[in-house]
């Protein structure tokens, strides 16, 4: 098991990401978060406040946004004895050719319209 502390400033966002080899559990130490979780079955969003526990299954895309007035602090636990392998959505998609991104999105059972906007 790995443990980490995540601190997000007011209005800040931990970008959507997923972990290939670990479930993630979190305990909100301070603040209020808006949480999103995307699995093959559904998309769930909810609010988590101080003293609440959150769970992200392995391979589920998820994000954490601070929409409170104070710093959001979450204690995170990863259920793997190996190094946790994480991929951020922006790293995964904006660094790849668009045809590969489109193929990757086809594994999800729900439809996604994707528009890539790049500035040069």
PDB file of N, CA and C in Angstrom:
ATOM      1  N   UNK A   1       0.840  -1.167   0.000  1.00  0.00           N
ATOM      2  CA  UNK A   1       0.000   0.000   0.000  1.00  0.00           C
ATOM      3  C   UNK A   1       0.892   1.239   0.000  1.00  0.00           C
ATOM      4  N   UNK A   2       0.467   2.257  -0.742  1.00  0.00           N
ATOM      5  CA  UNK A   2       1.143   3.551  -0.785  1.00  0.00           C
ATOM      6  C   UNK A   2       0.225   4.601  -0.181  1.00  0.00           C
ATOM      7  N   UNK A   3       0.824   5.623   0.403  1.00  0.00           N
ATOM      8  CA  UNK A   3       0.059   6.712   1.010  1.00  0.00           C
ATOM      9  C   UNK A   3       0.617   8.032   0.494  1.00  0.00           C
ATOM     10  N   UNK A   4      -0.283   8.980   0.214  1.00  0.00           N
ATOM     11  CA  UNK A   4       0.126  10.308  -0.250  1.00  0.00           C
ATOM     12  C   UNK A   4      -0.850  11.347   0.281  1.00  0.00           C
ATOM     13  N   UNK A   5      -0.400  12.587   0.314  1.00  0.00           N
ATOM     14  CA  UNK A   5      -1.270  13.707   0.674  1.00  0.00           C
ATOM     15  C   UNK A   5      -1.448  14.573  -0.570  1.00  0.00           C
ATOM     16  N   UNK A   6      -2.701  14.923  -0.855  1.00  0.00           N
ATOM     17  CA  UNK A   6      -3.020  15.790  -1.989  1.00  0.00           C
ATOM     18  C   UNK A   6      -3.572  17.100  -1.448  1.00  0.00           C
ATOM     19  N   UNK A   7      -2.972  18.221  -1.863  1.00  0.00           N
ATOM     20  CA  UNK A   7      -3.454  19.545  -1.464  1.00  0.00           C
ATOM     21  C   UNK A   7      -3.807  20.304  -2.741  1.00  0.00           C
ATOM     22  N   UNK A   8      -5.052  20.811  -2.784  1.00  0.00           N
ATOM     23  CA  UNK A   8      -5.522  21.557  -3.955  1.00  0.00           C
ATOM     24  C   UNK A   8      -6.018  22.919  -3.474  1.00  0.00           C
ATOM     25  N   UNK A   9      -5.511  23.963  -4.097  1.00  0.00           N
ATOM     26  CA  UNK A   9      -5.928  25.327  -3.767  1.00  0.00           C
ATOM     27  C   UNK A   9      -7.385  25.559  -4.185  1.00  0.00           C
ATOM     28  N   UNK A  10      -8.070  26.570  -3.601  1.00  0.00           N
ATOM     29  CA  UNK A  10      -9.452  26.867  -3.990  1.00  0.00           C
ATOM     30  C   UNK A  10      -9.579  27.072  -5.502  1.00  0.00           C
ATOM     31  N   UNK A  11     -10.552  26.399  -6.106  1.00  0.00           N
ATOM     32  CA  UNK A  11     -10.766  26.472  -7.548  1.00  0.00           C
ATOM     33  C   UNK A  11      -9.868  25.553  -8.351  1.00  0.00           C
ATOM     34  N   UNK A  12      -8.908  24.895  -7.704  1.00  0.00           N
ATOM     35  CA  UNK A  12      -7.961  24.024  -8.400  1.00  0.00           C
ATOM     36  C   UNK A  12      -8.566  22.665  -8.725  1.00  0.00           C
ATOM     37  N   UNK A  13      -7.899  21.959  -9.623  1.00  0.00           N
ATOM     38  CA  UNK A  13      -8.386  20.675 -10.113  1.00  0.00           C
ATOM     39  C   UNK A  13      -7.239  19.683 -10.238  1.00  0.00           C
ATOM     40  N   UNK A  14      -7.445  18.481  -9.748  1.00  0.00           N
ATOM     41  CA  UNK A  14      -6.551  17.350 -10.072  1.00  0.00           C
ATOM     42  C   UNK A  14      -7.134  16.786 -11.348  1.00  0.00           C
ATOM     43  N   UNK A  15      -6.409  16.948 -12.454  1.00  0.00           N
ATOM     44  CA  UNK A  15      -6.946  16.616 -13.775  1.00  0.00           C
ATOM     45  C   UNK A  15      -7.433  15.169 -13.827  1.00  0.00           C
ATOM     46  N   UNK A  16      -8.389  14.897 -14.712  1.00  0.00           N
ATOM     47  CA  UNK A  16      -8.839  13.513 -14.859  1.00  0.00           C
ATOM     48  C   UNK A  16      -7.654  12.587 -15.150  1.00  0.00           C
ATOM     49  N   UNK A  17      -7.649  11.449 -14.482  1.00  0.00           N
ATOM     50  CA  UNK A  17      -6.549  10.491 -14.593  1.00  0.00           C
ATOM     51  C   UNK A  17      -7.046   9.124 -14.160  1.00  0.00           C
ATOM     52  N   UNK A  18      -6.222   8.115 -14.356  1.00  0.00           N
ATOM     53  CA  UNK A  18      -6.563   6.780 -13.864  1.00  0.00           C
ATOM     54  C   UNK A  18      -5.290   6.048 -13.484  1.00  0.00           C
ATOM     55  N   UNK A  19      -5.485   4.995 -12.679  1.00  0.00           N
ATOM     56  CA  UNK A  19      -4.368   4.179 -12.205  1.00  0.00           C
ATOM     57  C   UNK A  19      -4.542   2.775 -12.772  1.00  0.00           C
ATOM     58  N   UNK A  20      -3.502   2.288 -13.436  1.00  0.00           N
ATOM     59  CA  UNK A  20      -3.564   0.979 -14.088  1.00  0.00           C
ATOM     60  C   UNK A  20      -3.512  -0.187 -13.108  1.00  0.00           C
ATOM     61  N   UNK A  21      -2.860   0.005 -11.974  1.00  0.00           N
ATOM     62  CA  UNK A  21      -2.573  -1.145 -11.123  1.00  0.00           C
ATOM     63  C   UNK A  21      -2.981  -0.961  -9.667  1.00  0.00           C
ATOM     64  N   UNK A  22      -3.887  -0.025  -9.381  1.00  0.00           N
ATOM     65  CA  UNK A  22      -4.263   0.161  -7.980  1.00  0.00           C
ATOM     66  C   UNK A  22      -5.623   0.826  -7.836  1.00  0.00           C
ATOM     67  N   UNK A  23      -6.385   0.364  -6.847  1.00  0.00           N
ATOM     68  CA  UNK A  23      -7.550   1.108  -6.385  1.00  0.00           C
ATOM     69  C   UNK A  23      -7.026   2.284  -5.572  1.00  0.00           C
ATOM     70  N   UNK A  24      -7.841   3.344  -5.473  1.00  0.00           N
ATOM     71  CA  UNK A  24      -7.447   4.508  -4.685  1.00  0.00           C
ATOM     72  C   UNK A  24      -8.553   4.812  -3.671  1.00  0.00           C
ATOM     73  N   UNK A  25      -8.159   4.969  -2.431  1.00  0.00           N
ATOM     74  CA  UNK A  25      -9.072   5.370  -1.361  1.00  0.00           C
ATOM     75  C   UNK A  25      -8.600   6.726  -0.870  1.00  0.00           C
ATOM     76  N   UNK A  26      -9.528   7.584  -0.485  1.00  0.00           N
ATOM     77  CA  UNK A  26      -9.142   8.885   0.030  1.00  0.00           C
ATOM     78  C   UNK A  26      -9.964   9.259   1.244  1.00  0.00           C
ATOM     79  N   UNK A  27      -9.350  10.021   2.131  1.00  0.00           N
ATOM     80  CA  UNK A  27     -10.025  10.548   3.318  1.00  0.00           C
ATOM     81  C   UNK A  27      -9.853  12.058   3.292  1.00  0.00           C
ATOM     82  N   UNK A  28     -10.965  12.802   3.279  1.00  0.00           N
ATOM     83  CA  UNK A  28     -10.915  14.258   3.197  1.00  0.00           C
ATOM     84  C   UNK A  28     -10.576  14.814   4.578  1.00  0.00           C
ATOM     85  N   UNK A  29      -9.387  15.386   4.686  1.00  0.00           N
ATOM     86  CA  UNK A  29      -8.934  15.971   5.941  1.00  0.00           C
ATOM     87  C   UNK A  29      -9.440  17.402   6.127  1.00  0.00           C
ATOM     88  N   UNK A  30      -9.567  18.138   4.995  1.00  0.00           N
ATOM     89  CA  UNK A  30      -9.957  19.550   5.061  1.00  0.00           C
ATOM     90  C   UNK A  30     -10.576  19.960   3.744  1.00  0.00           C
ATOM     91  N   UNK A  31     -11.622  20.768   3.801  1.00  0.00           N
ATOM     92  CA  UNK A  31     -12.195  21.357   2.597  1.00  0.00           C
ATOM     93  C   UNK A  31     -13.357  20.573   2.017  1.00  0.00           C
ATOM     94  N   UNK A  32     -13.749  21.008   0.818  1.00  0.00           N
ATOM     95  CA  UNK A  32     -14.879  20.415   0.100  1.00  0.00           C
ATOM     96  C   UNK A  32     -14.461  20.133  -1.335  1.00  0.00           C
ATOM     97  N   UNK A  33     -14.752  18.919  -1.802  1.00  0.00           N
ATOM     98  CA  UNK A  33     -14.348  18.501  -3.149  1.00  0.00           C
ATOM     99  C   UNK A  33     -15.563  18.143  -3.989  1.00  0.00           C
ATOM    100  N   UNK A  34     -15.430  18.382  -5.280  1.00  0.00           N
ATOM    101  CA  UNK A  34     -16.366  17.835  -6.257  1.00  0.00           C
ATOM    102  C   UNK A  34     -15.600  16.696  -6.918  1.00  0.00           C
ATOM    103  N   UNK A  35     -16.144  15.491  -6.846  1.00  0.00           N
ATOM    104  CA  UNK A  35     -15.492  14.279  -7.314  1.00  0.00           C
ATOM    105  C   UNK A  35     -16.223  13.759  -8.547  1.00  0.00           C
ATOM    106  N   UNK A  36     -15.483  13.269  -9.511  1.00  0.00           N
ATOM    107  CA  UNK A  36     -16.064  12.610 -10.677  1.00  0.00           C
ATOM    108  C   UNK A  36     -15.375  11.284 -10.915  1.00  0.00           C
ATOM    109  N   UNK A  37     -16.174  10.264 -11.272  1.00  0.00           N
ATOM    110  CA  UNK A  37     -15.653   8.925 -11.545  1.00  0.00           C
ATOM    111  C   UNK A  37     -16.338   8.389 -12.795  1.00  0.00           C
ATOM    112  N   UNK A  38     -15.537   7.922 -13.762  1.00  0.00           N
ATOM    113  CA  UNK A  38     -16.059   7.363 -15.004  1.00  0.00           C
ATOM    114  C   UNK A  38     -15.619   5.906 -15.092  1.00  0.00           C
ATOM    115  N   UNK A  39     -16.584   4.994 -15.167  1.00  0.00           N
ATOM    116  CA  UNK A  39     -16.302   3.571 -15.378  1.00  0.00           C
ATOM    117  C   UNK A  39     -16.994   3.133 -16.656  1.00  0.00           C
ATOM    118  N   UNK A  40     -16.830   1.876 -17.028  1.00  0.00           N
ATOM    119  CA  UNK A  40     -17.530   1.355 -18.208  1.00  0.00           C
ATOM    120  C   UNK A  40     -19.037   1.355 -18.000  1.00  0.00           C
ATOM    121  N   UNK A  41     -19.487   1.301 -16.753  1.00  0.00           N
ATOM    122  CA  UNK A  41     -20.910   1.216 -16.457  1.00  0.00           C
ATOM    123  C   UNK A  41     -21.596   2.578 -16.345  1.00  0.00           C
ATOM    124  N   UNK A  42     -20.908   3.579 -15.770  1.00  0.00           N
ATOM    125  CA  UNK A  42     -21.578   4.859 -15.562  1.00  0.00           C
ATOM    126  C   UNK A  42     -20.595   5.985 -15.263  1.00  0.00           C
ATOM    127  N   UNK A  43     -21.170   7.190 -15.166  1.00  0.00           N
ATOM    128  CA  UNK A  43     -20.440   8.386 -14.764  1.00  0.00           C
ATOM    129  C   UNK A  43     -21.102   8.884 -13.485  1.00  0.00           C
ATOM    130  N   UNK A  44     -20.309   9.086 -12.441  1.00  0.00           N
ATOM    131  CA  UNK A  44     -20.836   9.526 -11.153  1.00  0.00           C
ATOM    132  C   UNK A  44     -20.100  10.777 -10.711  1.00  0.00           C
ATOM    133  N   UNK A  45     -20.843  11.769 -10.216  1.00  0.00           N
ATOM    134  CA  UNK A  45     -20.228  12.929  -9.588  1.00  0.00           C
ATOM    135  C   UNK A  45     -20.880  13.119  -8.226  1.00  0.00           C
ATOM    136  N   UNK A  46     -20.090  13.603  -7.272  1.00  0.00           N
ATOM    137  CA  UNK A  46     -20.630  13.824  -5.931  1.00  0.00           C
ATOM    138  C   UNK A  46     -19.738  14.791  -5.171  1.00  0.00           C
ATOM    139  N   UNK A  47     -20.270  15.300  -4.080  1.00  0.00           N
ATOM    140  CA  UNK A  47     -19.538  16.204  -3.199  1.00  0.00           C
ATOM    141  C   UNK A  47     -18.968  15.394  -2.039  1.00  0.00           C
ATOM    142  N   UNK A  48     -17.744  15.697  -1.641  1.00  0.00           N
ATOM    143  CA  UNK A  48     -17.118  15.063  -0.482  1.00  0.00           C
ATOM    144  C   UNK A  48     -16.576  16.167   0.420  1.00  0.00           C
ATOM    145  N   UNK A  49     -16.886  16.072   1.700  1.00  0.00           N
ATOM    146  CA  UNK A  49     -16.465  17.082   2.667  1.00  0.00           C
ATOM    147  C   UNK A  49     -15.598  16.460   3.746  1.00  0.00           C
ATOM    148  N   UNK A  50     -15.047  17.321   4.573  1.00  0.00           N
ATOM    149  CA  UNK A  50     -14.184  16.915   5.670  1.00  0.00           C
ATOM    150  C   UNK A  50     -14.782  15.739   6.451  1.00  0.00           C
ATOM    151  N   UNK A  51     -13.952  14.695   6.637  1.00  0.00           N
ATOM    152  CA  UNK A  51     -14.376  13.516   7.385  1.00  0.00           C
ATOM    153  C   UNK A  51     -14.978  12.411   6.530  1.00  0.00           C
ATOM    154  N   UNK A  52     -15.162  12.658   5.227  1.00  0.00           N
ATOM    155  CA  UNK A  52     -15.743  11.642   4.350  1.00  0.00           C
ATOM    156  C   UNK A  52     -14.654  10.863   3.613  1.00  0.00           C
ATOM    157  N   UNK A  53     -15.034   9.659   3.177  1.00  0.00           N
ATOM    158  CA  UNK A  53     -14.134   8.761   2.465  1.00  0.00           C
ATOM    159  C   UNK A  53     -14.592   8.661   1.016  1.00  0.00           C
ATOM    160  N   UNK A  54     -13.628   8.591   0.083  1.00  0.00           N
ATOM    161  CA  UNK A  54     -13.926   8.417  -1.344  1.00  0.00           C
ATOM    162  C   UNK A  54     -13.195   7.175  -1.845  1.00  0.00           C
ATOM    163  N   UNK A  55     -13.689   6.606  -2.955  1.00  0.00           N
ATOM    164  CA  UNK A  55     -13.085   5.406  -3.536  1.00  0.00           C
ATOM    165  C   UNK A  55     -13.078   5.536  -5.048  1.00  0.00           C
ATOM    166  N   UNK A  56     -11.940   5.180  -5.664  1.00  0.00           N
ATOM    167  CA  UNK A  56     -11.800   5.166  -7.117  1.00  0.00           C
ATOM    168  C   UNK A  56     -11.304   3.784  -7.525  1.00  0.00           C
ATOM    169  N   UNK A  57     -12.103   3.021  -8.272  1.00  0.00           N
ATOM    170  CA  UNK A  57     -11.647   1.696  -8.701  1.00  0.00           C
ATOM    171  C   UNK A  57     -10.483   1.785  -9.684  1.00  0.00           C
ATOM    172  N   UNK A  58      -9.670   0.770  -9.691  1.00  0.00           N
ATOM    173  CA  UNK A  58      -8.565   0.663 -10.653  1.00  0.00           C
ATOM    174  C   UNK A  58      -9.126   0.828 -12.070  1.00  0.00           C
ATOM    175  N   UNK A  59      -8.429   1.580 -12.894  1.00  0.00           N
ATOM    176  CA  UNK A  59      -8.775   1.858 -14.297  1.00  0.00           C
ATOM    177  C   UNK A  59      -9.961   2.796 -14.486  1.00  0.00           C
ATOM    178  N   UNK A  60     -10.523   3.350 -13.433  1.00  0.00           N
ATOM    179  CA  UNK A  60     -11.622   4.310 -13.569  1.00  0.00           C
ATOM    180  C   UNK A  60     -11.038   5.716 -13.706  1.00  0.00           C
ATOM    181  N   UNK A  61     -11.452   6.435 -14.732  1.00  0.00           N
ATOM    182  CA  UNK A  61     -11.037   7.829 -14.880  1.00  0.00           C
ATOM    183  C   UNK A  61     -11.710   8.614 -13.760  1.00  0.00           C
ATOM    184  N   UNK A  62     -10.944   9.448 -13.060  1.00  0.00           N
ATOM    185  CA  UNK A  62     -11.518  10.229 -11.971  1.00  0.00           C
ATOM    186  C   UNK A  62     -10.803  11.565 -11.825  1.00  0.00           C
ATOM    187  N   UNK A  63     -11.490  12.497 -11.179  1.00  0.00           N
ATOM    188  CA  UNK A  63     -10.929  13.816 -10.937  1.00  0.00           C
ATOM    189  C   UNK A  63     -11.416  14.337  -9.597  1.00  0.00           C
ATOM    190  N   UNK A  64     -10.689  15.336  -9.095  1.00  0.00           N
ATOM    191  CA  UNK A  64     -11.015  15.974  -7.826  1.00  0.00           C
ATOM    192  C   UNK A  64     -10.868  17.478  -8.023  1.00  0.00           C
ATOM    193  N   UNK A  65     -11.944  18.219  -7.752  1.00  0.00           N
ATOM    194  CA  UNK A  65     -11.907  19.684  -7.878  1.00  0.00           C
ATOM    195  C   UNK A  65     -12.234  20.291  -6.528  1.00  0.00           C
ATOM    196  N   UNK A  66     -11.470  21.300  -6.149  1.00  0.00           N
ATOM    197  CA  UNK A  66     -11.743  22.029  -4.913  1.00  0.00           C
ATOM    198  C   UNK A  66     -12.715  23.148  -5.237  1.00  0.00           C
ATOM    199  N   UNK A  67     -13.923  23.078  -4.700  1.00  0.00           N
ATOM    200  CA  UNK A  67     -14.843  24.199  -4.906  1.00  0.00           C
ATOM    201  C   UNK A  67     -15.186  24.889  -3.597  1.00  0.00           C
ATOM    202  N   UNK A  68     -14.321  24.717  -2.605  1.00  0.00           N
ATOM    203  CA  UNK A  68     -14.474  25.418  -1.341  1.00  0.00           C
ATOM    204  C   UNK A  68     -13.623  26.670  -1.305  1.00  0.00           C
ATOM    205  N   UNK A  69     -13.698  27.389  -0.190  1.00  0.00           N
ATOM    206  CA  UNK A  69     -12.956  28.634  -0.025  1.00  0.00           C
ATOM    207  C   UNK A  69     -11.581  28.420   0.598  1.00  0.00           C
ATOM    208  N   UNK A  70     -11.317  27.202   1.101  1.00  0.00           N
ATOM    209  CA  UNK A  70     -10.027  26.909   1.722  1.00  0.00           C
ATOM    210  C   UNK A  70      -9.333  25.790   0.940  1.00  0.00           C
ATOM    211  N   UNK A  71      -8.070  25.555   1.274  1.00  0.00           N
ATOM    212  CA  UNK A  71      -7.360  24.450   0.634  1.00  0.00           C
ATOM    213  C   UNK A  71      -8.099  23.138   0.893  1.00  0.00           C
ATOM    214  N   UNK A  72      -8.101  22.278  -0.117  1.00  0.00           N
ATOM    215  CA  UNK A  72      -8.624  20.925   0.017  1.00  0.00           C
ATOM    216  C   UNK A  72      -7.440  20.017   0.299  1.00  0.00           C
ATOM    217  N   UNK A  73      -7.532  19.212   1.356  1.00  0.00           N
ATOM    218  CA  UNK A  73      -6.452  18.297   1.707  1.00  0.00           C
ATOM    219  C   UNK A  73      -7.059  16.894   1.834  1.00  0.00           C
ATOM    220  N   UNK A  74      -6.528  15.963   1.057  1.00  0.00           N
ATOM    221  CA  UNK A  74      -7.019  14.588   1.067  1.00  0.00           C
ATOM    222  C   UNK A  74      -5.848  13.644   1.301  1.00  0.00           C
ATOM    223  N   UNK A  75      -6.043  12.702   2.189  1.00  0.00           N
ATOM    224  CA  UNK A  75      -5.076  11.642   2.427  1.00  0.00           C
ATOM    225  C   UNK A  75      -5.454  10.488   1.504  1.00  0.00           C
ATOM    226  N   UNK A  76      -4.528  10.075   0.637  1.00  0.00           N
ATOM    227  CA  UNK A  76      -4.801   9.054  -0.375  1.00  0.00           C
ATOM    228  C   UNK A  76      -4.080   7.753  -0.050  1.00  0.00           C
ATOM    229  N   UNK A  77      -4.759   6.641  -0.270  1.00  0.00           N
ATOM    230  CA  UNK A  77      -4.203   5.305  -0.072  1.00  0.00           C
ATOM    231  C   UNK A  77      -4.368   4.532  -1.370  1.00  0.00           C
ATOM    232  N   UNK A  78      -3.292   3.947  -1.869  1.00  0.00           N
ATOM    233  CA  UNK A  78      -3.314   3.182  -3.105  1.00  0.00           C
ATOM    234  C   UNK A  78      -3.074   1.715  -2.778  1.00  0.00           C
ATOM    235  N   UNK A  79      -3.979   0.848  -3.249  1.00  0.00           N
ATOM    236  CA  UNK A  79      -3.918  -0.571  -2.917  1.00  0.00           C
ATOM    237  C   UNK A  79      -3.004  -1.364  -3.826  1.00  0.00           C
ATOM    238  N   UNK A  80      -1.716  -1.081  -3.773  1.00  0.00           N
ATOM    239  CA  UNK A  80      -0.740  -1.832  -4.547  1.00  0.00           C
ATOM    240  C   UNK A  80       0.596  -1.796  -3.819  1.00  0.00           C
ATOM    241  N   UNK A  81       1.292  -2.906  -3.827  1.00  0.00           N
ATOM    242  CA  UNK A  81       2.623  -2.920  -3.240  1.00  0.00           C
ATOM    243  C   UNK A  81       3.677  -2.493  -4.264  1.00  0.00           C
ATOM    244  N   UNK A  82       3.260  -2.310  -5.522  1.00  0.00           N
ATOM    245  CA  UNK A  82       4.155  -1.854  -6.587  1.00  0.00           C
ATOM    246  C   UNK A  82       4.039  -0.334  -6.730  1.00  0.00           C
ATOM    247  N   UNK A  83       4.922   0.234  -7.547  1.00  0.00           N
ATOM    248  CA  UNK A  83       4.797   1.647  -7.876  1.00  0.00           C
ATOM    249  C   UNK A  83       3.461   1.862  -8.583  1.00  0.00           C
ATOM    250  N   UNK A  84       2.689   2.859  -8.154  1.00  0.00           N
ATOM    251  CA  UNK A  84       1.383   3.118  -8.756  1.00  0.00           C
ATOM    252  C   UNK A  84       1.589   3.740 -10.130  1.00  0.00           C
ATOM    253  N   UNK A  85       0.965   3.138 -11.135  1.00  0.00           N
ATOM    254  CA  UNK A  85       1.083   3.620 -12.518  1.00  0.00           C
ATOM    255  C   UNK A  85      -0.148   4.467 -12.835  1.00  0.00           C
ATOM    256  N   UNK A  86       0.103   5.759 -13.081  1.00  0.00           N
ATOM    257  CA  UNK A  86      -0.958   6.740 -13.297  1.00  0.00           C
ATOM    258  C   UNK A  86      -0.788   7.380 -14.662  1.00  0.00           C
ATOM    259  N   UNK A  87      -1.917   7.659 -15.322  1.00  0.00           N
ATOM    260  CA  UNK A  87      -1.879   8.387 -16.582  1.00  0.00           C
ATOM    261  C   UNK A  87      -2.926   9.481 -16.538  1.00  0.00           C
ATOM    262  N   UNK A  88      -2.489  10.729 -16.768  1.00  0.00           N
ATOM    263  CA  UNK A  88      -3.405  11.862 -16.847  1.00  0.00           C
ATOM    264  C   UNK A  88      -4.045  11.893 -18.228  1.00  0.00           C
ATOM    265  N   UNK A  89      -5.322  12.272 -18.285  1.00  0.00           N
ATOM    266  CA  UNK A  89      -6.035  12.318 -19.558  1.00  0.00           C
ATOM    267  C   UNK A  89      -5.338  13.251 -20.534  1.00  0.00           C
ATOM    268  N   UNK A  90      -4.897  14.414 -20.072  1.00  0.00           N
ATOM    269  CA  UNK A  90      -4.261  15.342 -21.004  1.00  0.00           C
ATOM    270  C   UNK A  90      -2.962  14.774 -21.569  1.00  0.00           C
ATOM    271  N   UNK A  91      -2.184  14.057 -20.758  1.00  0.00           N
ATOM    272  CA  UNK A  91      -0.975  13.423 -21.274  1.00  0.00           C
ATOM    273  C   UNK A  91      -1.309  12.318 -22.269  1.00  0.00           C
ATOM    274  N   UNK A  92      -2.352  11.564 -21.958  1.00  0.00           N
ATOM    275  CA  UNK A  92      -2.721  10.431 -22.810  1.00  0.00           C
ATOM    276  C   UNK A  92      -3.228  10.880 -24.174  1.00  0.00           C
ATOM    277  N   UNK A  93      -4.071  11.909 -24.201  1.00  0.00           N
ATOM    278  CA  UNK A  93      -4.739  12.267 -25.445  1.00  0.00           C
ATOM    279  C   UNK A  93      -4.046  13.349 -26.251  1.00  0.00           C
ATOM    280  N   UNK A  94      -3.508  14.365 -25.615  1.00  0.00           N
ATOM    281  CA  UNK A  94      -2.936  15.459 -26.375  1.00  0.00           C
ATOM    282  C   UNK A  94      -1.555  15.138 -26.917  1.00  0.00           C
ATOM    283  N   UNK A  95      -0.948  14.077 -26.441  1.00  0.00           N
ATOM    284  CA  UNK A  95       0.332  13.659 -26.970  1.00  0.00           C
ATOM    285  C   UNK A  95       0.222  12.590 -28.038  1.00  0.00           C
ATOM    286  N   UNK A  96      -1.005  12.184 -28.375  1.00  0.00           N
ATOM    287  CA  UNK A  96      -1.225  11.100 -29.341  1.00  0.00           C
ATOM    288  C   UNK A  96      -1.869  11.622 -30.616  1.00  0.00           C
ATOM    289  N   UNK A  97      -1.659  10.909 -31.713  1.00  0.00           N
ATOM    290  CA  UNK A  97      -2.390  11.236 -32.945  1.00  0.00           C
ATOM    291  C   UNK A  97      -3.894  11.036 -32.727  1.00  0.00           C
ATOM    292  N   UNK A  98      -4.702  11.867 -33.373  1.00  0.00           N
ATOM    293  CA  UNK A  98      -6.147  11.842 -33.155  1.00  0.00           C
ATOM    294  C   UNK A  98      -6.789  10.498 -33.486  1.00  0.00           C
ATOM    295  N   UNK A  99      -6.298   9.757 -34.481  1.00  0.00           N
ATOM    296  CA  UNK A  99      -6.912   8.469 -34.821  1.00  0.00           C
ATOM    297  C   UNK A  99      -6.700   7.452 -33.698  1.00  0.00           C
ATOM    298  N   UNK A 100      -5.579   7.512 -33.016  1.00  0.00           N
ATOM    299  CA  UNK A 100      -5.327   6.596 -31.903  1.00  0.00           C
ATOM    300  C   UNK A 100      -6.216   6.960 -30.719  1.00  0.00           C
ATOM    301  N   UNK A 101      -6.402   8.261 -30.466  1.00  0.00           N
ATOM    302  CA  UNK A 101      -7.297   8.696 -29.394  1.00  0.00           C
ATOM    303  C   UNK A 101      -8.704   8.186 -29.655  1.00  0.00           C
ATOM    304  N   UNK A 102      -9.173   8.313 -30.893  1.00  0.00           N
ATOM    305  CA  UNK A 102     -10.515   7.847 -31.238  1.00  0.00           C
ATOM    306  C   UNK A 102     -10.663   6.349 -30.995  1.00  0.00           C
ATOM    307  N   UNK A 103      -9.648   5.570 -31.336  1.00  0.00           N
ATOM    308  CA  UNK A 103      -9.700   4.123 -31.088  1.00  0.00           C
ATOM    309  C   UNK A 103      -9.722   3.817 -29.601  1.00  0.00           C
ATOM    310  N   UNK A 104      -8.955   4.559 -28.818  1.00  0.00           N
ATOM    311  CA  UNK A 104      -8.912   4.333 -27.367  1.00  0.00           C
ATOM    312  C   UNK A 104     -10.267   4.615 -26.733  1.00  0.00           C
ATOM    313  N   UNK A 105     -10.954   5.636 -27.216  1.00  0.00           N
ATOM    314  CA  UNK A 105     -12.252   5.985 -26.642  1.00  0.00           C
ATOM    315  C   UNK A 105     -13.340   4.973 -26.993  1.00  0.00           C
ATOM    316  N   UNK A 106     -13.137   4.160 -28.010  1.00  0.00           N
ATOM    317  CA  UNK A 106     -14.142   3.176 -28.400  1.00  0.00           C
ATOM    318  C   UNK A 106     -14.282   2.049 -27.394  1.00  0.00           C
ATOM    319  N   UNK A 107     -13.349   1.890 -26.478  1.00  0.00           N
ATOM    320  CA  UNK A 107     -13.471   0.825 -25.480  1.00  0.00           C
ATOM    321  C   UNK A 107     -14.552   1.137 -24.460  1.00  0.00           C
ATOM    322  N   UNK A 108     -14.912   2.416 -24.296  1.00  0.00           N
ATOM    323  CA  UNK A 108     -15.995   2.752 -23.372  1.00  0.00           C
ATOM    324  C   UNK A 108     -17.318   2.516 -24.057  1.00  0.00           C
ATOM    325  N   UNK A 109     -18.303   2.043 -23.318  1.00  0.00           N
ATOM    326  CA  UNK A 109     -19.591   1.674 -23.890  1.00  0.00           C
ATOM    327  C   UNK A 109     -20.468   2.878 -24.203  1.00  0.00           C
ATOM    328  N   UNK A 110     -20.163   4.055 -23.666  1.00  0.00           N
ATOM    329  CA  UNK A 110     -20.971   5.239 -23.932  1.00  0.00           C
ATOM    330  C   UNK A 110     -20.281   6.065 -25.001  1.00  0.00           C
ATOM    331  N   UNK A 111     -21.040   6.891 -25.684  1.00  0.00           N
ATOM    332  CA  UNK A 111     -20.499   7.668 -26.802  1.00  0.00           C
ATOM    333  C   UNK A 111     -19.896   8.975 -26.309  1.00  0.00           C
ATOM    334  N   UNK A 112     -18.792   9.349 -26.944  1.00  0.00           N
ATOM    335  CA  UNK A 112     -18.087  10.576 -26.585  1.00  0.00           C
ATOM    336  C   UNK A 112     -17.826  11.364 -27.858  1.00  0.00           C
ATOM    337  N   UNK A 113     -18.156  12.644 -27.837  1.00  0.00           N
ATOM    338  CA  UNK A 113     -17.758  13.535 -28.924  1.00  0.00           C
ATOM    339  C   UNK A 113     -16.499  14.245 -28.463  1.00  0.00           C
ATOM    340  N   UNK A 114     -15.437  14.094 -29.205  1.00  0.00           N
ATOM    341  CA  UNK A 114     -14.144  14.643 -28.804  1.00  0.00           C
ATOM    342  C   UNK A 114     -13.698  15.672 -29.823  1.00  0.00           C
ATOM    343  N   UNK A 115     -13.378  16.845 -29.331  1.00  0.00           N
ATOM    344  CA  UNK A 115     -12.827  17.881 -30.168  1.00  0.00           C
ATOM    345  C   UNK A 115     -11.493  18.283 -29.546  1.00  0.00           C
ATOM    346  N   UNK A 116     -10.442  18.188 -30.308  1.00  0.00           N
ATOM    347  CA  UNK A 116      -9.127  18.598 -29.826  1.00  0.00           C
ATOM    348  C   UNK A 116      -8.855  20.013 -30.315  1.00  0.00           C
ATOM    349  N   UNK A 117      -8.577  20.895 -29.386  1.00  0.00           N
ATOM    350  CA  UNK A 117      -8.245  22.270 -29.717  1.00  0.00           C
ATOM    351  C   UNK A 117      -6.801  22.485 -29.323  1.00  0.00           C
ATOM    352  N   UNK A 118      -6.006  22.869 -30.269  1.00  0.00           N
ATOM    353  CA  UNK A 118      -4.589  23.079 -30.009  1.00  0.00           C
ATOM    354  C   UNK A 118      -4.209  24.490 -30.437  1.00  0.00           C
ATOM    355  N   UNK A 119      -3.410  25.139 -29.635  1.00  0.00           N
ATOM    356  CA  UNK A 119      -2.902  26.456 -30.021  1.00  0.00           C
ATOM    357  C   UNK A 119      -1.464  26.284 -30.476  1.00  0.00           C
ATOM    358  N   UNK A 120      -1.078  27.045 -31.461  1.00  0.00           N
ATOM    359  CA  UNK A 120       0.278  26.976 -32.011  1.00  0.00           C
ATOM    360  C   UNK A 120       0.995  28.271 -31.821  1.00  0.00           C
TER     361      UNK A 120
END
